[in-house]
PDB file of N, CA and C in Angstrom:
ATOM      1  N   UNK A   1      32.313 -23.834-107.336  1.00  0.00           N
ATOM      2  CA  UNK A   1      31.839 -23.183-106.132  1.00  0.00           C
ATOM      3  C   UNK A   1      31.390 -24.214-105.100  1.00  0.00           C
ATOM      4  N   UNK A   2      30.792 -25.292-105.529  1.00  0.00           N
ATOM      5  CA  UNK A   2      30.330 -26.320-104.594  1.00  0.00           C
ATOM      6  C   UNK A   2      31.505 -26.927-103.838  1.00  0.00           C
ATOM      7  N   UNK A   3      32.635 -27.078-104.519  1.00  0.00           N
ATOM      8  CA  UNK A   3      33.800 -27.661-103.874  1.00  0.00           C
ATOM      9  C   UNK A   3      34.277 -26.789-102.710  1.00  0.00           C
ATOM     10  N   UNK A   4      34.324 -25.487-102.918  1.00  0.00           N
ATOM     11  CA  UNK A   4      34.732 -24.576-101.843  1.00  0.00           C
ATOM     12  C   UNK A   4      33.754 -24.655-100.684  1.00  0.00           C
ATOM     13  N   UNK A   5      32.483 -24.768-100.993  1.00  0.00           N
ATOM     14  CA  UNK A   5      31.464 -24.863 -99.945  1.00  0.00           C
ATOM     15  C   UNK A   5      31.627 -26.152 -99.155  1.00  0.00           C
ATOM     16  N   UNK A   6      31.920 -27.244 -99.830  1.00  0.00           N
ATOM     17  CA  UNK A   6      32.142 -28.525 -99.156  1.00  0.00           C
ATOM     18  C   UNK A   6      33.379 -28.453 -98.264  1.00  0.00           C
ATOM     19  N   UNK A   7      34.431 -27.821 -98.755  1.00  0.00           N
ATOM     20  CA  UNK A   7      35.655 -27.669 -97.963  1.00  0.00           C
ATOM     21  C   UNK A   7      35.391 -26.797 -96.740  1.00  0.00           C
ATOM     22  N   UNK A   8      34.609 -25.750 -96.920  1.00  0.00           N
ATOM     23  CA  UNK A   8      34.265 -24.880 -95.800  1.00  0.00           C
ATOM     24  C   UNK A   8      33.470 -25.624 -94.742  1.00  0.00           C
ATOM     25  N   UNK A   9      32.546 -26.467 -95.180  1.00  0.00           N
ATOM     26  CA  UNK A   9      31.738 -27.244 -94.235  1.00  0.00           C
ATOM     27  C   UNK A   9      32.618 -28.237 -93.478  1.00  0.00           C
ATOM     28  N   UNK A  10      33.549 -28.889 -94.176  1.00  0.00           N
ATOM     29  CA  UNK A  10      34.464 -29.816 -93.510  1.00  0.00           C
ATOM     30  C   UNK A  10      35.322 -29.084 -92.477  1.00  0.00           C
ATOM     31  N   UNK A  11      35.776 -27.902 -92.826  1.00  0.00           N
ATOM     32  CA  UNK A  11      36.591 -27.106 -91.907  1.00  0.00           C
ATOM     33  C   UNK A  11      35.765 -26.719 -90.681  1.00  0.00           C
ATOM     34  N   UNK A  12      34.528 -26.288 -90.890  1.00  0.00           N
ATOM     35  CA  UNK A  12      33.640 -25.916 -89.783  1.00  0.00           C
ATOM     36  C   UNK A  12      33.407 -27.099 -88.857  1.00  0.00           C
ATOM     37  N   UNK A  13      33.155 -28.266 -89.435  1.00  0.00           N
ATOM     38  CA  UNK A  13      32.916 -29.461 -88.625  1.00  0.00           C
ATOM     39  C   UNK A  13      34.151 -29.806 -87.787  1.00  0.00           C
ATOM     40  N   UNK A  14      35.314 -29.622 -88.360  1.00  0.00           N
ATOM     41  CA  UNK A  14      36.547 -29.891 -87.628  1.00  0.00           C
ATOM     42  C   UNK A  14      36.713 -28.921 -86.470  1.00  0.00           C
ATOM     43  N   UNK A  15      36.464 -27.657 -86.706  1.00  0.00           N
ATOM     44  CA  UNK A  15      36.657 -26.631 -85.689  1.00  0.00           C
ATOM     45  C   UNK A  15      35.662 -26.788 -84.542  1.00  0.00           C
ATOM     46  N   UNK A  16      34.400 -27.059 -84.837  1.00  0.00           N
ATOM     47  CA  UNK A  16      33.408 -27.108 -83.764  1.00  0.00           C
ATOM     48  C   UNK A  16      33.551 -28.346 -82.887  1.00  0.00           C
ATOM     49  N   UNK A  17      34.297 -29.331 -83.344  1.00  0.00           N
ATOM     50  CA  UNK A  17      34.534 -30.511 -82.515  1.00  0.00           C
ATOM     51  C   UNK A  17      35.974 -30.589 -82.004  1.00  0.00           C
ATOM     52  N   UNK A  18      36.780 -29.582 -82.303  1.00  0.00           N
ATOM     53  CA  UNK A  18      38.169 -29.543 -81.865  1.00  0.00           C
ATOM     54  C   UNK A  18      38.223 -29.332 -80.356  1.00  0.00           C
ATOM     55  N   UNK A  19      39.108 -30.035 -79.697  1.00  0.00           N
ATOM     56  CA  UNK A  19      39.247 -29.910 -78.241  1.00  0.00           C
ATOM     57  C   UNK A  19      40.464 -29.075 -77.898  1.00  0.00           C
ATOM     58  N   UNK A  20      40.334 -28.282 -76.843  1.00  0.00           N
ATOM     59  CA  UNK A  20      41.444 -27.440 -76.414  1.00  0.00           C
ATOM     60  C   UNK A  20      42.353 -28.209 -75.457  1.00  0.00           C
ATOM     61  N   UNK A  21      43.296 -27.513 -74.836  1.00  0.00           N
ATOM     62  CA  UNK A  21      44.257 -28.157 -73.936  1.00  0.00           C
ATOM     63  C   UNK A  21      43.581 -28.803 -72.725  1.00  0.00           C
ATOM     64  N   UNK A  22      42.396 -28.320 -72.374  1.00  0.00           N
ATOM     65  CA  UNK A  22      41.653 -28.901 -71.251  1.00  0.00           C
ATOM     66  C   UNK A  22      40.667 -29.985 -71.719  1.00  0.00           C
ATOM     67  N   UNK A  23      40.805 -30.403 -72.991  1.00  0.00           N
ATOM     68  CA  UNK A  23      39.971 -31.441 -73.589  1.00  0.00           C
ATOM     69  C   UNK A  23      38.502 -31.016 -73.692  1.00  0.00           C
ATOM     70  N   UNK A  24      38.271 -29.727 -73.945  1.00  0.00           N
ATOM     71  CA  UNK A  24      36.916 -29.193 -74.047  1.00  0.00           C
ATOM     72  C   UNK A  24      36.640 -28.720 -75.468  1.00  0.00           C
ATOM     73  N   UNK A  25      35.445 -29.010 -75.956  1.00  0.00           N
ATOM     74  CA  UNK A  25      34.998 -28.517 -77.257  1.00  0.00           C
ATOM     75  C   UNK A  25      34.455 -27.094 -77.078  1.00  0.00           C
ATOM     76  N   UNK A  26      34.273 -26.361 -78.179  1.00  0.00           N
ATOM     77  CA  UNK A  26      33.718 -25.010 -78.066  1.00  0.00           C
ATOM     78  C   UNK A  26      32.351 -24.976 -77.366  1.00  0.00           C
ATOM     79  N   UNK A  27      31.531 -25.983 -77.573  1.00  0.00           N
ATOM     80  CA  UNK A  27      30.214 -25.978 -76.938  1.00  0.00           C
ATOM     81  C   UNK A  27      30.340 -26.155 -75.422  1.00  0.00           C
ATOM     82  N   UNK A  28      31.299 -26.937 -74.984  1.00  0.00           N
ATOM     83  CA  UNK A  28      31.522 -27.102 -73.544  1.00  0.00           C
ATOM     84  C   UNK A  28      32.020 -25.780 -72.954  1.00  0.00           C
ATOM     85  N   UNK A  29      32.969 -25.140 -73.634  1.00  0.00           N
ATOM     86  CA  UNK A  29      33.483 -23.848 -73.164  1.00  0.00           C
ATOM     87  C   UNK A  29      32.372 -22.809 -73.088  1.00  0.00           C
ATOM     88  N   UNK A  30      31.499 -22.794 -74.090  1.00  0.00           N
ATOM     89  CA  UNK A  30      30.395 -21.827 -74.087  1.00  0.00           C
ATOM     90  C   UNK A  30      29.465 -22.069 -72.904  1.00  0.00           C
ATOM     91  N   UNK A  31      29.194 -23.309 -72.608  1.00  0.00           N
ATOM     92  CA  UNK A  31      28.328 -23.630 -71.467  1.00  0.00           C
ATOM     93  C   UNK A  31      28.978 -23.226 -70.153  1.00  0.00           C
ATOM     94  N   UNK A  32      30.264 -23.401 -70.060  1.00  0.00           N
ATOM     95  CA  UNK A  32      30.965 -23.090 -68.822  1.00  0.00           C
ATOM     96  C   UNK A  32      31.210 -21.601 -68.619  1.00  0.00           C
ATOM     97  N   UNK A  33      31.567 -20.899 -69.705  1.00  0.00           N
ATOM     98  CA  UNK A  33      32.018 -19.522 -69.557  1.00  0.00           C
ATOM     99  C   UNK A  33      31.156 -18.481 -70.223  1.00  0.00           C
ATOM    100  N   UNK A  34      30.608 -18.776 -71.395  1.00  0.00           N
ATOM    101  CA  UNK A  34      29.879 -17.741 -72.116  1.00  0.00           C
ATOM    102  C   UNK A  34      30.790 -16.565 -72.408  1.00  0.00           C
ATOM    103  N   UNK A  35      30.251 -15.379 -72.345  1.00  0.00           N
ATOM    104  CA  UNK A  35      31.057 -14.170 -72.516  1.00  0.00           C
ATOM    105  C   UNK A  35      31.655 -13.780 -71.183  1.00  0.00           C
ATOM    106  N   UNK A  36      32.935 -13.612 -71.137  1.00  0.00           N
ATOM    107  CA  UNK A  36      33.611 -13.236 -69.897  1.00  0.00           C
ATOM    108  C   UNK A  36      33.206 -11.837 -69.436  1.00  0.00           C
ATOM    109  N   UNK A  37      32.882 -10.958 -70.373  1.00  0.00           N
ATOM    110  CA  UNK A  37      32.618  -9.557 -70.036  1.00  0.00           C
ATOM    111  C   UNK A  37      31.140  -9.245 -69.841  1.00  0.00           C
ATOM    112  N   UNK A  38      30.288 -10.257 -69.744  1.00  0.00           N
ATOM    113  CA  UNK A  38      28.866  -9.991 -69.537  1.00  0.00           C
ATOM    114  C   UNK A  38      28.684  -9.273 -68.205  1.00  0.00           C
ATOM    115  N   UNK A  39      27.790  -8.297 -68.192  1.00  0.00           N
ATOM    116  CA  UNK A  39      27.626  -7.443 -67.026  1.00  0.00           C
ATOM    117  C   UNK A  39      27.077  -8.127 -65.792  1.00  0.00           C
ATOM    118  N   UNK A  40      26.141  -9.022 -65.938  1.00  0.00           N
ATOM    119  CA  UNK A  40      25.583  -9.709 -64.779  1.00  0.00           C
ATOM    120  C   UNK A  40      25.235 -11.142 -65.145  1.00  0.00           C
ATOM    121  N   UNK A  41      24.728 -11.888 -64.173  1.00  0.00           N
ATOM    122  CA  UNK A  41      24.451 -13.312 -64.403  1.00  0.00           C
ATOM    123  C   UNK A  41      23.402 -13.525 -65.481  1.00  0.00           C
ATOM    124  N   UNK A  42      22.381 -12.677 -65.518  1.00  0.00           N
ATOM    125  CA  UNK A  42      21.329 -12.824 -66.529  1.00  0.00           C
ATOM    126  C   UNK A  42      21.889 -12.617 -67.933  1.00  0.00           C
ATOM    127  N   UNK A  43      22.724 -11.600 -68.100  1.00  0.00           N
ATOM    128  CA  UNK A  43      23.346 -11.353 -69.403  1.00  0.00           C
ATOM    129  C   UNK A  43      24.271 -12.494 -69.790  1.00  0.00           C
ATOM    130  N   UNK A  44      25.011 -13.015 -68.839  1.00  0.00           N
ATOM    131  CA  UNK A  44      25.921 -14.130 -69.112  1.00  0.00           C
ATOM    132  C   UNK A  44      25.138 -15.363 -69.546  1.00  0.00           C
ATOM    133  N   UNK A  45      23.995 -15.625 -68.904  1.00  0.00           N
ATOM    134  CA  UNK A  45      23.164 -16.772 -69.276  1.00  0.00           C
ATOM    135  C   UNK A  45      22.668 -16.629 -70.705  1.00  0.00           C
ATOM    136  N   UNK A  46      22.162 -15.455 -71.050  1.00  0.00           N
ATOM    137  CA  UNK A  46      21.666 -15.222 -72.409  1.00  0.00           C
ATOM    138  C   UNK A  46      22.798 -15.388 -73.420  1.00  0.00           C
ATOM    139  N   UNK A  47      23.972 -14.860 -73.093  1.00  0.00           N
ATOM    140  CA  UNK A  47      25.111 -14.981 -74.000  1.00  0.00           C
ATOM    141  C   UNK A  47      25.481 -16.441 -74.213  1.00  0.00           C
ATOM    142  N   UNK A  48      25.542 -17.215 -73.138  1.00  0.00           N
ATOM    143  CA  UNK A  48      25.869 -18.648 -73.269  1.00  0.00           C
ATOM    144  C   UNK A  48      24.825 -19.362 -74.118  1.00  0.00           C
ATOM    145  N   UNK A  49      23.566 -19.075 -73.866  1.00  0.00           N
ATOM    146  CA  UNK A  49      22.481 -19.716 -74.610  1.00  0.00           C
ATOM    147  C   UNK A  49      22.596 -19.418 -76.107  1.00  0.00           C
ATOM    148  N   UNK A  50      22.864 -18.163 -76.454  1.00  0.00           N
ATOM    149  CA  UNK A  50      22.988 -17.787 -77.860  1.00  0.00           C
ATOM    150  C   UNK A  50      24.179 -18.470 -78.522  1.00  0.00           C
ATOM    151  N   UNK A  51      25.300 -18.521 -77.821  1.00  0.00           N
ATOM    152  CA  UNK A  51      26.495 -19.168 -78.372  1.00  0.00           C
ATOM    153  C   UNK A  51      26.232 -20.647 -78.600  1.00  0.00           C
ATOM    154  N   UNK A  52      25.632 -21.308 -77.631  1.00  0.00           N
ATOM    155  CA  UNK A  52      25.344 -22.741 -77.756  1.00  0.00           C
ATOM    156  C   UNK A  52      24.376 -22.989 -78.904  1.00  0.00           C
ATOM    157  N   UNK A  53      23.348 -22.170 -79.040  1.00  0.00           N
ATOM    158  CA  UNK A  53      22.402 -22.327 -80.144  1.00  0.00           C
ATOM    159  C   UNK A  53      23.108 -22.200 -81.486  1.00  0.00           C
ATOM    160  N   UNK A  54      23.985 -21.213 -81.614  1.00  0.00           N
ATOM    161  CA  UNK A  54      24.727 -21.023 -82.860  1.00  0.00           C
ATOM    162  C   UNK A  54      25.620 -22.226 -83.162  1.00  0.00           C
ATOM    163  N   UNK A  55      26.287 -22.734 -82.157  1.00  0.00           N
ATOM    164  CA  UNK A  55      27.158 -23.896 -82.355  1.00  0.00           C
ATOM    165  C   UNK A  55      26.357 -25.124 -82.781  1.00  0.00           C
ATOM    166  N   UNK A  56      25.204 -25.346 -82.164  1.00  0.00           N
ATOM    167  CA  UNK A  56      24.362 -26.488 -82.533  1.00  0.00           C
ATOM    168  C   UNK A  56      23.855 -26.331 -83.963  1.00  0.00           C
ATOM    169  N   UNK A  57      23.431 -25.123 -84.324  1.00  0.00           N
ATOM    170  CA  UNK A  57      22.975 -24.878 -85.695  1.00  0.00           C
ATOM    171  C   UNK A  57      24.097 -25.106 -86.705  1.00  0.00           C
ATOM    172  N   UNK A  58      25.337 -24.866 -86.291  1.00  0.00           N
ATOM    173  CA  UNK A  58      26.492 -25.076 -87.170  1.00  0.00           C
ATOM    174  C   UNK A  58      26.908 -26.539 -87.228  1.00  0.00           C
ATOM    175  N   UNK A  59      26.300 -27.376 -86.372  1.00  0.00           N
ATOM    176  CA  UNK A  59      26.594 -28.807 -86.434  1.00  0.00           C
ATOM    177  C   UNK A  59      27.318 -29.364 -85.232  1.00  0.00           C
ATOM    178  N   UNK A  60      27.518 -28.571 -84.195  1.00  0.00           N
ATOM    179  CA  UNK A  60      28.197 -29.076 -82.998  1.00  0.00           C
ATOM    180  C   UNK A  60      27.320 -30.131 -82.321  1.00  0.00           C
ATOM    181  N   UNK A  61      27.969 -31.129 -81.775  1.00  0.00           N
ATOM    182  CA  UNK A  61      27.277 -32.212 -81.081  1.00  0.00           C
ATOM    183  C   UNK A  61      27.081 -31.830 -79.615  1.00  0.00           C
ATOM    184  N   UNK A  62      25.834 -31.606 -79.169  1.00  0.00           N
ATOM    185  CA  UNK A  62      25.608 -31.221 -77.771  1.00  0.00           C
ATOM    186  C   UNK A  62      25.933 -32.334 -76.795  1.00  0.00           C
ATOM    187  N   UNK A  63      26.116 -33.550 -77.285  1.00  0.00           N
ATOM    188  CA  UNK A  63      26.442 -34.690 -76.440  1.00  0.00           C
ATOM    189  C   UNK A  63      27.917 -35.063 -76.542  1.00  0.00           C
ATOM    190  N   UNK A  64      28.750 -34.102 -76.909  1.00  0.00           N
ATOM    191  CA  UNK A  64      30.158 -34.416 -77.165  1.00  0.00           C
ATOM    192  C   UNK A  64      31.010 -34.481 -75.913  1.00  0.00           C
ATOM    193  N   UNK A  65      30.468 -34.101 -74.762  1.00  0.00           N
ATOM    194  CA  UNK A  65      31.295 -34.170 -73.563  1.00  0.00           C
ATOM    195  C   UNK A  65      31.386 -35.595 -73.065  1.00  0.00           C
ATOM    196  N   UNK A  66      32.485 -35.875 -72.375  1.00  0.00           N
ATOM    197  CA  UNK A  66      32.725 -37.238 -71.900  1.00  0.00           C
ATOM    198  C   UNK A  66      32.259 -37.394 -70.490  1.00  0.00           C
TER     199      UNK A  66
END
């Protein structure tokens, strides 16, 4: 069971630092866009904040932008 957990953690680390076609990590995208369907600016801010917090807790590097 530990081996599967280690593999899962390695996969998570790879995904949270993976860059898209615009050379952006998920944390950068969350800061820029948040939820597209948020009703107003306040809701969008809260959504972005929650996404970024989750990504950091999962191990994303908040200093990963160039």
